[in-house]
Amino acid sequence: MPNKYNLRYLSIAQDDLVSILDWIAQDSASRAKVFVDSVSNRIGRLEHHPLMGRMPRNEKLKKLGYRVLVVENYLVFYVQRGRAVEIHRVLHGSRNFDEIL
């Protein structure tokens, strides 16, 4: 498909996802699977719609080219670079992401 963008996960974003899944699985393995499916589906849509995430309110993040995709209580921070979408972090919405990013 000609309009498809490549998805790339930074290793720290992969680590974020593993940590989130481990945390959720402590309570419920089935809930962890539901989350995996949900986040995979939402991030997967970026292959065709890289601008579907909103611009962050934070000016610093906006200037760095970040976009934010909301998946349940989590925020997926990503940047579009040419024909690629780079997933930088996946963080719980309650975290102080301004200091983390």
N, C-alpha and C. Protein backbone atom coordinates (compact mmCIF):
# COMPACT_ATOMS: atom_id res chain seq x y z
N MET A 1 0.85 -1.17 0.00
CA MET A 1 0.00 0.00 0.00
C MET A 1 0.90 1.24 0.00
N PRO A 2 0.73 2.13 -0.94
CA PRO A 2 1.64 3.25 -1.11
C PRO A 2 1.63 4.26 0.03
N ASN A 3 0.54 4.41 0.75
CA ASN A 3 0.45 5.41 1.81
C ASN A 3 0.84 4.87 3.18
N LYS A 4 1.47 3.72 3.21
CA LYS A 4 1.81 3.10 4.49
C LYS A 4 3.13 3.65 5.03
N TYR A 5 3.11 3.99 6.31
CA TYR A 5 4.30 4.47 7.01
C TYR A 5 4.90 3.31 7.81
N ASN A 6 6.21 3.34 8.00
CA ASN A 6 6.88 2.32 8.80
C ASN A 6 6.80 2.70 10.27
N LEU A 7 6.45 1.75 11.11
CA LEU A 7 6.45 1.97 12.54
C LEU A 7 7.78 1.52 13.12
N ARG A 8 8.37 2.37 13.94
CA ARG A 8 9.62 2.03 14.62
C ARG A 8 9.45 2.34 16.10
N TYR A 9 9.81 1.38 16.92
CA TYR A 9 9.75 1.57 18.37
C TYR A 9 11.17 1.80 18.89
N LEU A 10 11.38 2.89 19.62
CA LEU A 10 12.64 3.04 20.32
C LEU A 10 12.69 1.96 21.40
N SER A 11 13.88 1.52 21.76
CA SER A 11 13.99 0.45 22.75
C SER A 11 13.36 0.85 24.08
N ILE A 12 13.42 2.12 24.44
CA ILE A 12 12.82 2.55 25.70
C ILE A 12 11.29 2.45 25.64
N ALA A 13 10.70 2.66 24.47
CA ALA A 13 9.25 2.50 24.30
C ALA A 13 8.88 1.03 24.45
N GLN A 14 9.71 0.15 23.91
CA GLN A 14 9.46 -1.29 24.09
C GLN A 14 9.54 -1.65 25.57
N ASP A 15 10.53 -1.10 26.26
CA ASP A 15 10.65 -1.33 27.70
C ASP A 15 9.43 -0.81 28.45
N ASP A 16 8.93 0.36 28.03
CA ASP A 16 7.72 0.91 28.65
C ASP A 16 6.57 -0.08 28.53
N LEU A 17 6.38 -0.62 27.33
CA LEU A 17 5.26 -1.54 27.10
C LEU A 17 5.41 -2.81 27.92
N VAL A 18 6.61 -3.34 28.00
CA VAL A 18 6.83 -4.56 28.80
C VAL A 18 6.52 -4.28 30.27
N SER A 19 6.96 -3.15 30.78
CA SER A 19 6.69 -2.79 32.18
C SER A 19 5.19 -2.63 32.44
N ILE A 20 4.50 -1.98 31.51
CA ILE A 20 3.06 -1.80 31.65
C ILE A 20 2.35 -3.15 31.65
N LEU A 21 2.73 -4.01 30.73
CA LEU A 21 2.09 -5.32 30.65
C LEU A 21 2.35 -6.15 31.89
N ASP A 22 3.59 -6.11 32.40
CA ASP A 22 3.91 -6.82 33.64
C ASP A 22 3.05 -6.32 34.79
N TRP A 23 2.90 -5.00 34.87
CA TRP A 23 2.11 -4.39 35.94
C TRP A 23 0.65 -4.83 35.85
N ILE A 24 0.07 -4.75 34.67
CA ILE A 24 -1.34 -5.13 34.49
C ILE A 24 -1.52 -6.62 34.73
N ALA A 25 -0.59 -7.44 34.27
CA ALA A 25 -0.69 -8.90 34.40
C ALA A 25 -0.64 -9.35 35.86
N GLN A 26 -0.05 -8.55 36.73
CA GLN A 26 -0.04 -8.91 38.15
C GLN A 26 -1.46 -9.01 38.70
N ASP A 27 -2.34 -8.18 38.16
CA ASP A 27 -3.75 -8.21 38.56
C ASP A 27 -4.55 -9.19 37.72
N SER A 28 -4.31 -9.15 36.40
CA SER A 28 -5.13 -9.95 35.51
C SER A 28 -4.43 -10.18 34.17
N ALA A 29 -4.13 -11.43 33.88
CA ALA A 29 -3.50 -11.77 32.61
C ALA A 29 -4.44 -11.46 31.44
N SER A 30 -5.72 -11.68 31.64
CA SER A 30 -6.67 -11.40 30.55
C SER A 30 -6.77 -9.90 30.29
N ARG A 31 -6.70 -9.10 31.34
CA ARG A 31 -6.72 -7.64 31.17
C ARG A 31 -5.47 -7.15 30.45
N ALA A 32 -4.33 -7.80 30.74
CA ALA A 32 -3.09 -7.46 30.05
C ALA A 32 -3.21 -7.74 28.56
N LYS A 33 -3.85 -8.86 28.21
CA LYS A 33 -4.04 -9.20 26.79
C LYS A 33 -4.95 -8.18 26.11
N VAL A 34 -6.00 -7.77 26.79
CA VAL A 34 -6.90 -6.75 26.23
C VAL A 34 -6.13 -5.46 25.98
N PHE A 35 -5.26 -5.09 26.94
CA PHE A 35 -4.47 -3.87 26.75
C PHE A 35 -3.53 -4.01 25.57
N VAL A 36 -2.86 -5.15 25.44
CA VAL A 36 -1.95 -5.37 24.31
C VAL A 36 -2.70 -5.21 22.99
N ASP A 37 -3.87 -5.81 22.91
CA ASP A 37 -4.66 -5.69 21.68
C ASP A 37 -5.06 -4.24 21.42
N SER A 38 -5.46 -3.55 22.46
CA SER A 38 -5.89 -2.16 22.31
C SER A 38 -4.75 -1.26 21.86
N VAL A 39 -3.61 -1.35 22.52
CA VAL A 39 -2.48 -0.49 22.17
C VAL A 39 -1.93 -0.86 20.79
N SER A 40 -1.90 -2.15 20.46
CA SER A 40 -1.42 -2.57 19.14
C SER A 40 -2.31 -2.03 18.03
N ASN A 41 -3.60 -2.11 18.24
CA ASN A 41 -4.54 -1.60 17.23
C ASN A 41 -4.41 -0.10 17.03
N ARG A 42 -4.34 0.64 18.14
CA ARG A 42 -4.25 2.11 18.03
C ARG A 42 -2.94 2.54 17.39
N ILE A 43 -1.83 1.96 17.84
CA ILE A 43 -0.54 2.32 17.26
C ILE A 43 -0.48 1.86 15.80
N GLY A 44 -1.04 0.72 15.51
CA GLY A 44 -1.06 0.20 14.14
C GLY A 44 -1.74 1.14 13.16
N ARG A 45 -2.72 1.89 13.62
CA ARG A 45 -3.42 2.84 12.76
C ARG A 45 -2.50 3.96 12.29
N LEU A 46 -1.43 4.20 13.03
CA LEU A 46 -0.49 5.25 12.64
C LEU A 46 0.20 4.92 11.32
N GLU A 47 0.22 3.65 10.93
CA GLU A 47 0.83 3.28 9.64
C GLU A 47 0.13 3.99 8.48
N HIS A 48 -1.15 4.25 8.63
CA HIS A 48 -1.92 4.90 7.57
C HIS A 48 -2.33 6.33 7.91
N HIS A 49 -2.31 6.64 9.21
CA HIS A 49 -2.76 7.97 9.66
C HIS A 49 -1.78 8.52 10.71
N PRO A 50 -0.59 8.90 10.28
CA PRO A 50 0.43 9.32 11.25
C PRO A 50 0.10 10.61 12.00
N LEU A 51 -0.85 11.37 11.53
CA LEU A 51 -1.19 12.63 12.19
C LEU A 51 -2.43 12.50 13.08
N MET A 52 -2.86 11.27 13.34
CA MET A 52 -4.10 11.12 14.13
C MET A 52 -3.91 11.47 15.60
N GLY A 53 -2.69 11.43 16.10
CA GLY A 53 -2.44 11.86 17.47
C GLY A 53 -2.50 13.38 17.54
N ARG A 54 -2.80 13.88 18.70
CA ARG A 54 -2.92 15.34 18.85
C ARG A 54 -1.55 15.95 19.14
N MET A 55 -1.45 17.23 18.87
CA MET A 55 -0.25 17.97 19.23
C MET A 55 -0.28 18.15 20.74
N PRO A 56 0.85 18.00 21.41
CA PRO A 56 0.86 18.20 22.87
C PRO A 56 0.67 19.67 23.22
N ARG A 57 0.15 19.92 24.40
CA ARG A 57 -0.03 21.30 24.86
C ARG A 57 1.31 21.91 25.26
N ASN A 58 2.20 21.06 25.72
CA ASN A 58 3.51 21.51 26.16
C ASN A 58 4.30 22.04 24.97
N GLU A 59 4.72 23.30 25.04
CA GLU A 59 5.42 23.95 23.92
C GLU A 59 6.74 23.26 23.58
N LYS A 60 7.48 22.83 24.59
CA LYS A 60 8.75 22.16 24.36
C LYS A 60 8.54 20.89 23.53
N LEU A 61 7.56 20.08 23.91
CA LEU A 61 7.28 18.84 23.18
C LEU A 61 6.77 19.13 21.77
N LYS A 62 5.96 20.17 21.66
CA LYS A 62 5.44 20.57 20.36
C LYS A 62 6.58 20.96 19.42
N LYS A 63 7.54 21.74 19.93
CA LYS A 63 8.68 22.17 19.11
C LYS A 63 9.57 20.99 18.70
N LEU A 64 9.59 19.95 19.53
CA LEU A 64 10.38 18.75 19.20
C LEU A 64 9.66 17.84 18.20
N GLY A 65 8.43 18.20 17.83
CA GLY A 65 7.69 17.45 16.82
C GLY A 65 6.88 16.29 17.35
N TYR A 66 6.70 16.23 18.66
CA TYR A 66 5.93 15.13 19.23
C TYR A 66 4.45 15.24 18.90
N ARG A 67 3.84 14.08 18.81
CA ARG A 67 2.39 13.95 18.77
C ARG A 67 2.05 12.95 19.87
N VAL A 68 0.79 12.99 20.34
CA VAL A 68 0.37 12.14 21.44
C VAL A 68 -0.87 11.37 21.05
N LEU A 69 -0.80 10.08 21.25
CA LEU A 69 -1.94 9.20 21.00
C LEU A 69 -2.40 8.67 22.34
N VAL A 70 -3.68 8.81 22.65
CA VAL A 70 -4.22 8.35 23.92
C VAL A 70 -4.77 6.94 23.74
N VAL A 71 -4.30 6.04 24.61
CA VAL A 71 -4.78 4.66 24.62
C VAL A 71 -5.14 4.34 26.06
N GLU A 72 -6.43 4.32 26.34
CA GLU A 72 -6.93 4.13 27.71
C GLU A 72 -6.31 5.20 28.61
N ASN A 73 -5.58 4.79 29.65
CA ASN A 73 -4.96 5.75 30.57
C ASN A 73 -3.52 6.07 30.20
N TYR A 74 -3.09 5.64 29.04
CA TYR A 74 -1.70 5.79 28.64
C TYR A 74 -1.56 6.75 27.47
N LEU A 75 -0.38 7.37 27.42
CA LEU A 75 -0.07 8.31 26.35
C LEU A 75 1.10 7.75 25.55
N VAL A 76 0.90 7.66 24.24
CA VAL A 76 1.94 7.20 23.33
C VAL A 76 2.53 8.44 22.68
N PHE A 77 3.80 8.69 22.96
CA PHE A 77 4.49 9.85 22.39
C PHE A 77 5.28 9.37 21.17
N TYR A 78 5.03 10.04 20.04
CA TYR A 78 5.70 9.63 18.81
C TYR A 78 6.03 10.83 17.96
N VAL A 79 6.92 10.57 16.98
CA VAL A 79 7.36 11.59 16.04
C VAL A 79 7.28 10.99 14.65
N GLN A 80 6.79 11.77 13.70
CA GLN A 80 6.81 11.35 12.30
C GLN A 80 8.08 11.88 11.66
N ARG A 81 8.83 10.99 11.03
CA ARG A 81 10.06 11.38 10.33
C ARG A 81 9.98 10.78 8.92
N GLY A 82 9.66 11.63 7.97
CA GLY A 82 9.52 11.14 6.59
C GLY A 82 8.41 10.11 6.51
N ARG A 83 8.75 8.92 6.03
CA ARG A 83 7.77 7.84 5.88
C ARG A 83 7.78 6.90 7.08
N ALA A 84 8.34 7.37 8.19
CA ALA A 84 8.41 6.55 9.41
C ALA A 84 7.70 7.25 10.57
N VAL A 85 7.13 6.45 11.43
CA VAL A 85 6.56 6.92 12.68
C VAL A 85 7.37 6.25 13.79
N GLU A 86 8.05 7.07 14.59
CA GLU A 86 8.88 6.56 15.67
C GLU A 86 8.12 6.68 16.99
N ILE A 87 7.91 5.54 17.63
CA ILE A 87 7.27 5.51 18.94
C ILE A 87 8.38 5.73 19.97
N HIS A 88 8.29 6.85 20.69
CA HIS A 88 9.35 7.21 21.64
C HIS A 88 9.09 6.72 23.05
N ARG A 89 7.89 6.91 23.55
CA ARG A 89 7.56 6.49 24.92
C ARG A 89 6.09 6.12 25.00
N VAL A 90 5.77 5.24 25.96
CA VAL A 90 4.40 4.92 26.31
C VAL A 90 4.32 5.07 27.83
N LEU A 91 3.59 6.09 28.28
CA LEU A 91 3.60 6.46 29.69
C LEU A 91 2.18 6.59 30.23
N HIS A 92 2.02 6.26 31.50
CA HIS A 92 0.72 6.46 32.14
C HIS A 92 0.44 7.96 32.18
N GLY A 93 -0.79 8.33 31.97
CA GLY A 93 -1.18 9.74 31.91
C GLY A 93 -0.93 10.51 33.19
N SER A 94 -0.80 9.83 34.33
CA SER A 94 -0.57 10.51 35.60
C SER A 94 0.90 10.85 35.83
N ARG A 95 1.79 10.33 34.99
CA ARG A 95 3.22 10.59 35.18
C ARG A 95 3.59 11.98 34.69
N ASN A 96 4.66 12.51 35.21
CA ASN A 96 5.15 13.83 34.81
C ASN A 96 6.00 13.66 33.56
N PHE A 97 5.35 13.53 32.43
CA PHE A 97 6.07 13.22 31.18
C PHE A 97 6.95 14.37 30.72
N ASP A 98 6.67 15.59 31.18
CA ASP A 98 7.50 16.71 30.79
C ASP A 98 8.95 16.50 31.25
N GLU A 99 9.14 15.92 32.43
CA GLU A 99 10.47 15.64 32.92
C GLU A 99 11.07 14.38 32.32
N ILE A 100 10.22 13.45 31.92
CA ILE A 100 10.69 12.16 31.40
C ILE A 100 11.18 12.27 29.96
N LEU A 101 10.49 13.07 29.16
CA LEU A 101 10.83 13.14 27.73
C LEU A 101 11.98 14.08 27.46
